[in-house]
């Protein structure tokens, strides 16, 4: 089994497709959707399918669906497995149908509900601090949110590993995962799989001959996920840098071209490199310069 760490960027998809050709089963990081097979088999259009799903990256999703269609046509078994996100959808649907009390009795639903409650409370603190433009308070709120988010990723990775173990067997399995899901390989190994990993952004950076600088916010999340001993000063500095990083990266989806085949990777890496050199006070000044 290969866990393929990637990002929701169109520029990653040719590499994803090239790797996926060597595997019999491809597990993508999405909740199950009843229209997915219809899209793979061409019974509904890719555009129709993408419009019907909740995605923050519609351009990426359209391009990935086209690739998944080709892989499906070549005989690959393609599965959507991300039970944490599925349960969130179940909770939302239950609330709309006034059936919340019945659904929440499930142990896993209760776990997701409690995890999301902690994350959402921390997120509200973050938003309130941001609106007040209180940088110190915002940094502290970011650290609290990051800790809650790390717990969420731990639960999500564990649930996903368990679900994969229930639905998949054999060695020729490719599991798509975002780069922050660092515990997924460990949990899959605990489920009895022989796991190797490949990080696409790192591989591409090596091919380009550049040093890859991480998103400081994601790095802090990973450190909390792995139970590393992070002192308060380090956590606050990484959070401050993460705030600036998020403030500066482009929000729109960019397409690769001949002149720039990796627009997201190069832009994000340039910003991450610059942010990695900032002091806490430099972050404060830059924050107020950006946001007033």
C-alpha atoms as a PDB file:
ATOM      1  CA  UNK A   1       0.000   0.000   0.000  1.00  0.00           C
ATOM      2  CA  UNK A   2       1.197   3.479  -0.909  1.00  0.00           C
ATOM      3  CA  UNK A   3       0.003   6.601   0.902  1.00  0.00           C
ATOM      4  CA  UNK A   4       0.405   9.394  -1.622  1.00  0.00           C
ATOM      5  CA  UNK A   5       0.698  12.780   0.071  1.00  0.00           C
ATOM      6  CA  UNK A   6      -0.458  15.525  -2.256  1.00  0.00           C
ATOM      7  CA  UNK A   7      -2.347  18.829  -2.322  1.00  0.00           C
ATOM      8  CA  UNK A   8      -5.557  20.019  -3.971  1.00  0.00           C
ATOM      9  CA  UNK A   9      -3.720  21.719  -6.811  1.00  0.00           C
ATOM     10  CA  UNK A  10      -4.266  20.978 -10.500  1.00  0.00           C
ATOM     11  CA  UNK A  11      -0.506  20.918 -11.040  1.00  0.00           C
ATOM     12  CA  UNK A  12      -0.277  17.786  -8.841  1.00  0.00           C
ATOM     13  CA  UNK A  13      -2.745  15.754 -10.898  1.00  0.00           C
ATOM     14  CA  UNK A  14      -0.483  14.605 -13.774  1.00  0.00           C
ATOM     15  CA  UNK A  15       1.849  13.120 -11.149  1.00  0.00           C
ATOM     16  CA  UNK A  16      -1.105  11.597  -9.291  1.00  0.00           C
ATOM     17  CA  UNK A  17      -2.285   9.952 -12.508  1.00  0.00           C
ATOM     18  CA  UNK A  18       1.159   8.615 -13.359  1.00  0.00           C
ATOM     19  CA  UNK A  19       1.532   6.996  -9.943  1.00  0.00           C
ATOM     20  CA  UNK A  20      -2.061   5.704  -9.875  1.00  0.00           C
ATOM     21  CA  UNK A  21      -1.589   3.734 -13.113  1.00  0.00           C
ATOM     22  CA  UNK A  22       0.534   1.210 -11.189  1.00  0.00           C
ATOM     23  CA  UNK A  23      -2.175   0.399  -8.616  1.00  0.00           C
ATOM     24  CA  UNK A  24      -5.320  -1.718  -8.737  1.00  0.00           C
ATOM     25  CA  UNK A  25      -7.288   0.157  -6.067  1.00  0.00           C
ATOM     26  CA  UNK A  26      -7.306   3.938  -5.651  1.00  0.00           C
ATOM     27  CA  UNK A  27      -8.728   5.410  -2.449  1.00  0.00           C
ATOM     28  CA  UNK A  28      -9.448   9.108  -2.685  1.00  0.00           C
ATOM     29  CA  UNK A  29      -9.863  11.482   0.238  1.00  0.00           C
ATOM     30  CA  UNK A  30     -13.573  12.229  -0.092  1.00  0.00           C
ATOM     31  CA  UNK A  31     -16.813  11.216   1.626  1.00  0.00           C
ATOM     32  CA  UNK A  32     -18.918   8.682  -0.246  1.00  0.00           C
ATOM     33  CA  UNK A  33     -21.358  10.147  -2.765  1.00  0.00           C
ATOM     34  CA  UNK A  34     -24.062   8.137  -4.511  1.00  0.00           C
ATOM     35  CA  UNK A  35     -23.473  10.026  -7.781  1.00  0.00           C
ATOM     36  CA  UNK A  36     -19.752   9.258  -7.882  1.00  0.00           C
ATOM     37  CA  UNK A  37     -20.091   5.965  -9.776  1.00  0.00           C
ATOM     38  CA  UNK A  38     -22.542   7.584 -12.183  1.00  0.00           C
ATOM     39  CA  UNK A  39     -19.881  10.211 -12.944  1.00  0.00           C
ATOM     40  CA  UNK A  40     -17.149   7.588 -13.367  1.00  0.00           C
ATOM     41  CA  UNK A  41     -19.300   5.617 -15.802  1.00  0.00           C
ATOM     42  CA  UNK A  42     -20.311   8.719 -17.775  1.00  0.00           C
ATOM     43  CA  UNK A  43     -23.991   8.585 -16.840  1.00  0.00           C
ATOM     44  CA  UNK A  44     -23.741  12.158 -15.540  1.00  0.00           C
ATOM     45  CA  UNK A  45     -21.269  14.825 -16.609  1.00  0.00           C
ATOM     46  CA  UNK A  46     -18.234  15.817 -14.585  1.00  0.00           C
ATOM     47  CA  UNK A  47     -19.509  19.399 -14.355  1.00  0.00           C
ATOM     48  CA  UNK A  48     -22.891  18.230 -13.084  1.00  0.00           C
ATOM     49  CA  UNK A  49     -21.243  16.047 -10.461  1.00  0.00           C
ATOM     50  CA  UNK A  50     -18.831  18.750  -9.253  1.00  0.00           C
ATOM     51  CA  UNK A  51     -21.659  21.280  -8.977  1.00  0.00           C
ATOM     52  CA  UNK A  52     -23.545  18.842  -6.745  1.00  0.00           C
ATOM     53  CA  UNK A  53     -20.773  18.279  -4.198  1.00  0.00           C
ATOM     54  CA  UNK A  54     -19.390  20.453  -1.411  1.00  0.00           C
ATOM     55  CA  UNK A  55     -15.875  21.293  -2.577  1.00  0.00           C
ATOM     56  CA  UNK A  56     -13.549  24.194  -1.840  1.00  0.00           C
ATOM     57  CA  UNK A  57     -11.546  23.385  -4.980  1.00  0.00           C
ATOM     58  CA  UNK A  58     -13.993  23.063  -7.907  1.00  0.00           C
ATOM     59  CA  UNK A  59     -11.337  23.457 -10.606  1.00  0.00           C
ATOM     60  CA  UNK A  60      -9.187  20.758  -9.024  1.00  0.00           C
ATOM     61  CA  UNK A  61     -12.213  18.493  -8.553  1.00  0.00           C
ATOM     62  CA  UNK A  62     -13.193  18.778 -12.225  1.00  0.00           C
ATOM     63  CA  UNK A  63      -9.700  17.914 -13.417  1.00  0.00           C
ATOM     64  CA  UNK A  64      -9.357  15.055 -10.946  1.00  0.00           C
ATOM     65  CA  UNK A  65     -12.718  13.597 -11.969  1.00  0.00           C
ATOM     66  CA  UNK A  66     -11.592  13.500 -15.617  1.00  0.00           C
ATOM     67  CA  UNK A  67      -8.501  11.548 -14.558  1.00  0.00           C
ATOM     68  CA  UNK A  68     -10.504   9.220 -12.321  1.00  0.00           C
ATOM     69  CA  UNK A  69     -12.830   8.478 -15.233  1.00  0.00           C
ATOM     70  CA  UNK A  70      -9.883   7.344 -17.334  1.00  0.00           C
ATOM     71  CA  UNK A  71      -8.495   5.238 -14.509  1.00  0.00           C
ATOM     72  CA  UNK A  72     -11.914   3.660 -13.942  1.00  0.00           C
ATOM     73  CA  UNK A  73     -12.210   2.867 -17.667  1.00  0.00           C
ATOM     74  CA  UNK A  74      -8.822   1.130 -17.511  1.00  0.00           C
ATOM     75  CA  UNK A  75     -10.121  -1.243 -14.835  1.00  0.00           C
ATOM     76  CA  UNK A  76      -9.031   0.491 -11.647  1.00  0.00           C
ATOM     77  CA  UNK A  77     -11.279   0.220  -8.590  1.00  0.00           C
ATOM     78  CA  UNK A  78     -11.816   3.719  -7.216  1.00  0.00           C
ATOM     79  CA  UNK A  79     -13.216   4.289  -3.732  1.00  0.00           C
ATOM     80  CA  UNK A  80     -14.218   7.366  -1.770  1.00  0.00           C
ATOM     81  CA  UNK A  81     -13.284   6.809   1.872  1.00  0.00           C
ATOM     82  CA  UNK A  82     -13.351   9.539   4.510  1.00  0.00           C
ATOM     83  CA  UNK A  83     -15.855   8.548   7.222  1.00  0.00           C
ATOM     84  CA  UNK A  84     -15.237  11.633   9.362  1.00  0.00           C
ATOM     85  CA  UNK A  85     -16.514  13.898   6.589  1.00  0.00           C
ATOM     86  CA  UNK A  86     -19.368  11.479   5.900  1.00  0.00           C
ATOM     87  CA  UNK A  87     -20.499  11.753   9.512  1.00  0.00           C
ATOM     88  CA  UNK A  88     -20.409  15.548   9.364  1.00  0.00           C
ATOM     89  CA  UNK A  89     -22.738  15.341   6.359  1.00  0.00           C
ATOM     90  CA  UNK A  90     -24.996  12.920   8.271  1.00  0.00           C
ATOM     91  CA  UNK A  91     -25.202  15.338  11.195  1.00  0.00           C
ATOM     92  CA  UNK A  92     -26.120  18.236   8.891  1.00  0.00           C
ATOM     93  CA  UNK A  93     -28.784  16.181   7.143  1.00  0.00           C
ATOM     94  CA  UNK A  94     -30.183  14.981  10.482  1.00  0.00           C
ATOM     95  CA  UNK A  95     -30.466  18.549  11.771  1.00  0.00           C
ATOM     96  CA  UNK A  96     -32.386  19.551   8.627  1.00  0.00           C
ATOM     97  CA  UNK A  97     -34.755  16.566   9.085  1.00  0.00           C
ATOM     98  CA  UNK A  98     -35.145  17.148  12.844  1.00  0.00           C
ATOM     99  CA  UNK A  99     -33.620  13.705  13.500  1.00  0.00           C
ATOM    100  CA  UNK A 100     -30.493  14.873  15.302  1.00  0.00           C
ATOM    101  CA  UNK A 101     -31.179  13.121  18.618  1.00  0.00           C
ATOM    102  CA  UNK A 102     -31.576   9.784  16.870  1.00  0.00           C
ATOM    103  CA  UNK A 103     -28.389  10.089  14.811  1.00  0.00           C
ATOM    104  CA  UNK A 104     -26.184  11.373  17.651  1.00  0.00           C
ATOM    105  CA  UNK A 105     -26.718   8.174  19.665  1.00  0.00           C
ATOM    106  CA  UNK A 106     -24.145   6.487  17.444  1.00  0.00           C
ATOM    107  CA  UNK A 107     -20.743   6.343  19.188  1.00  0.00           C
ATOM    108  CA  UNK A 108     -18.754   7.530  16.178  1.00  0.00           C
ATOM    109  CA  UNK A 109     -21.212  10.328  15.479  1.00  0.00           C
ATOM    110  CA  UNK A 110     -20.859  11.485  19.077  1.00  0.00           C
ATOM    111  CA  UNK A 111     -17.058  11.426  18.759  1.00  0.00           C
ATOM    112  CA  UNK A 112     -17.156  13.562  15.613  1.00  0.00           C
ATOM    113  CA  UNK A 113     -19.726  15.900  17.157  1.00  0.00           C
ATOM    114  CA  UNK A 114     -17.604  16.487  20.263  1.00  0.00           C
ATOM    115  CA  UNK A 115     -14.439  16.939  18.198  1.00  0.00           C
ATOM    116  CA  UNK A 116     -16.120  19.465  15.923  1.00  0.00           C
ATOM    117  CA  UNK A 117     -17.521  21.337  18.930  1.00  0.00           C
ATOM    118  CA  UNK A 118     -14.012  21.913  20.313  1.00  0.00           C
ATOM    119  CA  UNK A 119     -12.682  23.005  16.917  1.00  0.00           C
ATOM    120  CA  UNK A 120     -15.604  25.364  16.303  1.00  0.00           C
ATOM    121  CA  UNK A 121     -15.274  26.989  19.744  1.00  0.00           C
ATOM    122  CA  UNK A 122     -11.585  27.606  19.072  1.00  0.00           C
ATOM    123  CA  UNK A 123     -12.418  28.948  15.598  1.00  0.00           C
ATOM    124  CA  UNK A 124     -14.912  31.417  17.041  1.00  0.00           C
ATOM    125  CA  UNK A 125     -12.221  32.721  19.410  1.00  0.00           C
ATOM    126  CA  UNK A 126      -9.902  33.090  16.422  1.00  0.00           C
ATOM    127  CA  UNK A 127     -12.474  35.023  14.394  1.00  0.00           C
ATOM    128  CA  UNK A 128     -13.315  37.361  17.275  1.00  0.00           C
ATOM    129  CA  UNK A 129      -9.642  38.109  17.873  1.00  0.00           C
ATOM    130  CA  UNK A 130      -9.141  38.733  14.170  1.00  0.00           C
ATOM    131  CA  UNK A 131     -12.048  41.169  14.032  1.00  0.00           C
ATOM    132  CA  UNK A 132     -10.529  43.096  16.965  1.00  0.00           C
ATOM    133  CA  UNK A 133      -7.156  43.106  15.173  1.00  0.00           C
ATOM    134  CA  UNK A 134      -5.536  42.152  18.490  1.00  0.00           C
ATOM    135  CA  UNK A 135      -2.444  40.342  17.250  1.00  0.00           C
ATOM    136  CA  UNK A 136      -1.320  38.824  20.551  1.00  0.00           C
ATOM    137  CA  UNK A 137      -4.821  37.548  21.264  1.00  0.00           C
ATOM    138  CA  UNK A 138      -5.065  36.263  17.687  1.00  0.00           C
ATOM    139  CA  UNK A 139      -1.814  34.316  18.060  1.00  0.00           C
ATOM    140  CA  UNK A 140      -3.009  32.732  21.314  1.00  0.00           C
ATOM    141  CA  UNK A 141      -6.328  31.848  19.671  1.00  0.00           C
ATOM    142  CA  UNK A 142      -4.434  30.361  16.722  1.00  0.00           C
ATOM    143  CA  UNK A 143      -2.426  28.108  19.038  1.00  0.00           C
ATOM    144  CA  UNK A 144      -5.624  26.923  20.736  1.00  0.00           C
ATOM    145  CA  UNK A 145      -7.295  26.305  17.395  1.00  0.00           C
ATOM    146  CA  UNK A 146      -4.246  24.438  16.113  1.00  0.00           C
ATOM    147  CA  UNK A 147      -4.300  22.115  19.124  1.00  0.00           C
ATOM    148  CA  UNK A 148      -8.005  21.402  18.586  1.00  0.00           C
ATOM    149  CA  UNK A 149      -7.428  20.917  14.866  1.00  0.00           C
ATOM    150  CA  UNK A 150      -4.585  18.477  15.579  1.00  0.00           C
ATOM    151  CA  UNK A 151      -6.962  16.379  17.678  1.00  0.00           C
ATOM    152  CA  UNK A 152      -9.476  16.467  14.830  1.00  0.00           C
ATOM    153  CA  UNK A 153      -6.894  15.212  12.339  1.00  0.00           C
ATOM    154  CA  UNK A 154      -5.922  12.414  14.722  1.00  0.00           C
ATOM    155  CA  UNK A 155      -9.541  11.265  14.963  1.00  0.00           C
ATOM    156  CA  UNK A 156     -10.074  11.650  11.215  1.00  0.00           C
ATOM    157  CA  UNK A 157      -6.928   9.691  10.311  1.00  0.00           C
ATOM    158  CA  UNK A 158      -7.803   6.894  12.741  1.00  0.00           C
ATOM    159  CA  UNK A 159     -11.350   6.611  11.403  1.00  0.00           C
ATOM    160  CA  UNK A 160     -10.149   6.652   7.817  1.00  0.00           C
ATOM    161  CA  UNK A 161      -7.576   3.915   8.455  1.00  0.00           C
ATOM    162  CA  UNK A 162     -10.235   1.737  10.085  1.00  0.00           C
ATOM    163  CA  UNK A 163     -12.632   2.264   7.169  1.00  0.00           C
ATOM    164  CA  UNK A 164      -9.928   1.476   4.596  1.00  0.00           C
ATOM    165  CA  UNK A 165      -9.121  -1.749   6.454  1.00  0.00           C
ATOM    166  CA  UNK A 166     -12.795  -2.742   6.273  1.00  0.00           C
ATOM    167  CA  UNK A 167     -13.133  -2.130   2.531  1.00  0.00           C
ATOM    168  CA  UNK A 168      -9.719  -2.857   1.017  1.00  0.00           C
ATOM    169  CA  UNK A 169      -7.339  -5.790   0.861  1.00  0.00           C
ATOM    170  CA  UNK A 170      -4.178  -6.570  -1.084  1.00  0.00           C
ATOM    171  CA  UNK A 171      -0.942  -4.700  -1.748  1.00  0.00           C
ATOM    172  CA  UNK A 172      -1.692  -2.758  -4.923  1.00  0.00           C
ATOM    173  CA  UNK A 173      -3.584   0.005  -3.130  1.00  0.00           C
ATOM    174  CA  UNK A 174      -2.996   3.733  -3.503  1.00  0.00           C
ATOM    175  CA  UNK A 175      -4.373   5.987  -0.756  1.00  0.00           C
ATOM    176  CA  UNK A 176      -4.612   9.696  -1.522  1.00  0.00           C
ATOM    177  CA  UNK A 177      -3.962  11.955   1.480  1.00  0.00           C
ATOM    178  CA  UNK A 178      -3.359  15.615   2.177  1.00  0.00           C
ATOM    179  CA  UNK A 179       0.129  16.385   3.456  1.00  0.00           C
ATOM    180  CA  UNK A 180      -1.134  17.100   6.971  1.00  0.00           C
ATOM    181  CA  UNK A 181      -2.408  13.543   7.490  1.00  0.00           C
ATOM    182  CA  UNK A 182       0.904  12.344   8.885  1.00  0.00           C
ATOM    183  CA  UNK A 183      -0.624   9.755  11.212  1.00  0.00           C
ATOM    184  CA  UNK A 184      -2.536   7.904   8.496  1.00  0.00           C
ATOM    185  CA  UNK A 185       0.400   5.622   7.509  1.00  0.00           C
ATOM    186  CA  UNK A 186       0.982   4.719  11.173  1.00  0.00           C
ATOM    187  CA  UNK A 187      -2.677   3.853  11.718  1.00  0.00           C
ATOM    188  CA  UNK A 188      -2.797   1.822   8.484  1.00  0.00           C
ATOM    189  CA  UNK A 189       0.235  -0.155   9.630  1.00  0.00           C
ATOM    190  CA  UNK A 190      -1.605  -0.857  12.889  1.00  0.00           C
ATOM    191  CA  UNK A 191      -4.415  -2.264  10.721  1.00  0.00           C
ATOM    192  CA  UNK A 192      -1.962  -4.767   9.244  1.00  0.00           C
ATOM    193  CA  UNK A 193      -0.976  -3.065   5.990  1.00  0.00           C
ATOM    194  CA  UNK A 194       2.577  -2.858   4.667  1.00  0.00           C
ATOM    195  CA  UNK A 195       2.741   0.882   4.023  1.00  0.00           C
ATOM    196  CA  UNK A 196       5.118   3.083   2.060  1.00  0.00           C
ATOM    197  CA  UNK A 197       4.737   6.817   1.439  1.00  0.00           C
ATOM    198  CA  UNK A 198       5.420   9.308  -1.329  1.00  0.00           C
ATOM    199  CA  UNK A 199       5.124  13.076  -0.919  1.00  0.00           C
ATOM    200  CA  UNK A 200       4.411  14.658  -4.317  1.00  0.00           C
ATOM    201  CA  UNK A 201       5.308  18.286  -3.459  1.00  0.00           C
ATOM    202  CA  UNK A 202       8.616  17.136  -1.951  1.00  0.00           C
ATOM    203  CA  UNK A 203       9.349  14.967  -4.990  1.00  0.00           C
ATOM    204  CA  UNK A 204       8.579  17.805  -7.404  1.00  0.00           C
ATOM    205  CA  UNK A 205      10.705  20.258  -5.400  1.00  0.00           C
ATOM    206  CA  UNK A 206      13.647  17.856  -5.649  1.00  0.00           C
ATOM    207  CA  UNK A 207      13.139  17.561  -9.399  1.00  0.00           C
ATOM    208  CA  UNK A 208      13.113  21.360  -9.645  1.00  0.00           C
ATOM    209  CA  UNK A 209      16.222  21.601  -7.477  1.00  0.00           C
ATOM    210  CA  UNK A 210      14.614  23.833  -4.862  1.00  0.00           C
ATOM    211  CA  UNK A 211      14.360  23.611  -1.094  1.00  0.00           C
ATOM    212  CA  UNK A 212      10.769  23.131   0.044  1.00  0.00           C
ATOM    213  CA  UNK A 213       9.667  25.379   2.901  1.00  0.00           C
ATOM    214  CA  UNK A 214       6.641  24.218   4.907  1.00  0.00           C
ATOM    215  CA  UNK A 215       3.476  26.080   5.799  1.00  0.00           C
ATOM    216  CA  UNK A 216       4.304  27.072   9.420  1.00  0.00           C
ATOM    217  CA  UNK A 217       0.719  26.608  10.572  1.00  0.00           C
ATOM    218  CA  UNK A 218       0.574  23.082   9.183  1.00  0.00           C
ATOM    219  CA  UNK A 219       3.936  22.274  10.732  1.00  0.00           C
ATOM    220  CA  UNK A 220       2.677  23.327  14.160  1.00  0.00           C
ATOM    221  CA  UNK A 221      -0.422  21.184  13.657  1.00  0.00           C
ATOM    222  CA  UNK A 222       1.752  18.178  12.776  1.00  0.00           C
ATOM    223  CA  UNK A 223       3.906  18.724  15.856  1.00  0.00           C
ATOM    224  CA  UNK A 224       0.818  18.676  18.066  1.00  0.00           C
ATOM    225  CA  UNK A 225      -0.514  15.606  16.229  1.00  0.00           C
ATOM    226  CA  UNK A 226       2.738  13.746  16.839  1.00  0.00           C
ATOM    227  CA  UNK A 227       2.795  14.710  20.513  1.00  0.00           C
ATOM    228  CA  UNK A 228       6.025  16.670  20.234  1.00  0.00           C
ATOM    229  CA  UNK A 229       7.066  18.873  23.132  1.00  0.00           C
ATOM    230  CA  UNK A 230       6.493  22.399  21.807  1.00  0.00           C
ATOM    231  CA  UNK A 231       7.330  25.237  24.173  1.00  0.00           C
ATOM    232  CA  UNK A 232       5.020  28.250  24.319  1.00  0.00           C
ATOM    233  CA  UNK A 233       7.443  30.658  22.641  1.00  0.00           C
ATOM    234  CA  UNK A 234       7.992  28.337  19.670  1.00  0.00           C
ATOM    235  CA  UNK A 235       4.261  27.653  19.309  1.00  0.00           C
ATOM    236  CA  UNK A 236       3.422  31.366  19.338  1.00  0.00           C
ATOM    237  CA  UNK A 237       6.148  32.202  16.793  1.00  0.00           C
ATOM    238  CA  UNK A 238       4.989  29.445  14.434  1.00  0.00           C
ATOM    239  CA  UNK A 239       1.384  30.571  14.868  1.00  0.00           C
ATOM    240  CA  UNK A 240       2.353  34.171  14.112  1.00  0.00           C
ATOM    241  CA  UNK A 241       4.178  33.088  10.968  1.00  0.00           C
ATOM    242  CA  UNK A 242       1.208  30.930  10.028  1.00  0.00           C
ATOM    243  CA  UNK A 243      -1.126  33.918  10.245  1.00  0.00           C
ATOM    244  CA  UNK A 244       1.072  35.882   7.858  1.00  0.00           C
ATOM    245  CA  UNK A 245       1.427  32.909   5.516  1.00  0.00           C
ATOM    246  CA  UNK A 246      -2.343  32.454   5.272  1.00  0.00           C
ATOM    247  CA  UNK A 247      -2.761  36.196   4.735  1.00  0.00           C
ATOM    248  CA  UNK A 248      -0.393  36.217   1.761  1.00  0.00           C
ATOM    249  CA  UNK A 249      -1.051  33.043  -0.236  1.00  0.00           C
ATOM    250  CA  UNK A 250      -3.323  33.357  -3.304  1.00  0.00           C
ATOM    251  CA  UNK A 251      -6.888  32.226  -2.639  1.00  0.00           C
ATOM    252  CA  UNK A 252      -7.883  31.545  -6.254  1.00  0.00           C
ATOM    253  CA  UNK A 253      -7.101  28.267  -8.008  1.00  0.00           C
ATOM    254  CA  UNK A 254      -4.329  28.654 -10.587  1.00  0.00           C
ATOM    255  CA  UNK A 255      -3.772  26.466 -13.618  1.00  0.00           C
ATOM    256  CA  UNK A 256      -0.308  25.273 -14.674  1.00  0.00           C
ATOM    257  CA  UNK A 257       1.128  26.477 -17.975  1.00  0.00           C
ATOM    258  CA  UNK A 258       4.238  25.983 -20.078  1.00  0.00           C
ATOM    259  CA  UNK A 259       5.944  28.994 -18.541  1.00  0.00           C
ATOM    260  CA  UNK A 260       4.962  28.027 -15.000  1.00  0.00           C
ATOM    261  CA  UNK A 261       3.993  24.363 -14.561  1.00  0.00           C
ATOM    262  CA  UNK A 262       3.799  24.674 -10.746  1.00  0.00           C
ATOM    263  CA  UNK A 263       2.223  28.068  -9.965  1.00  0.00           C
ATOM    264  CA  UNK A 264       0.924  27.120  -6.514  1.00  0.00           C
ATOM    265  CA  UNK A 265       3.974  25.229  -5.325  1.00  0.00           C
ATOM    266  CA  UNK A 266       6.404  27.967  -6.378  1.00  0.00           C
ATOM    267  CA  UNK A 267       4.290  30.852  -5.052  1.00  0.00           C
ATOM    268  CA  UNK A 268       3.509  29.148  -1.747  1.00  0.00           C
ATOM    269  CA  UNK A 269       7.107  28.079  -1.296  1.00  0.00           C
ATOM    270  CA  UNK A 270       8.350  31.612  -1.920  1.00  0.00           C
ATOM    271  CA  UNK A 271       5.975  32.952   0.731  1.00  0.00           C
ATOM    272  CA  UNK A 272       6.826  30.163   3.191  1.00  0.00           C
ATOM    273  CA  UNK A 273      10.533  30.895   2.755  1.00  0.00           C
ATOM    274  CA  UNK A 274      10.025  34.607   3.426  1.00  0.00           C
ATOM    275  CA  UNK A 275       7.775  33.946   6.421  1.00  0.00           C
ATOM    276  CA  UNK A 276      10.267  31.478   7.921  1.00  0.00           C
ATOM    277  CA  UNK A 277      12.678  34.376   8.521  1.00  0.00           C
ATOM    278  CA  UNK A 278      10.207  36.635  10.341  1.00  0.00           C
ATOM    279  CA  UNK A 279      10.469  37.409  14.035  1.00  0.00           C
ATOM    280  CA  UNK A 280       7.360  37.634  16.182  1.00  0.00           C
ATOM    281  CA  UNK A 281       7.449  41.436  16.129  1.00  0.00           C
ATOM    282  CA  UNK A 282       7.957  41.442  12.354  1.00  0.00           C
ATOM    283  CA  UNK A 283       4.840  39.283  12.055  1.00  0.00           C
ATOM    284  CA  UNK A 284       2.912  41.772  14.195  1.00  0.00           C
ATOM    285  CA  UNK A 285       3.946  44.742  12.053  1.00  0.00           C
ATOM    286  CA  UNK A 286       3.201  42.900   8.809  1.00  0.00           C
ATOM    287  CA  UNK A 287      -0.192  41.770  10.095  1.00  0.00           C
ATOM    288  CA  UNK A 288      -1.259  45.360  10.790  1.00  0.00           C
ATOM    289  CA  UNK A 289       0.152  46.469   7.450  1.00  0.00           C
ATOM    290  CA  UNK A 290      -1.936  43.858   5.640  1.00  0.00           C
ATOM    291  CA  UNK A 291      -5.142  44.096   7.664  1.00  0.00           C
ATOM    292  CA  UNK A 292      -4.996  47.584   9.199  1.00  0.00           C
END
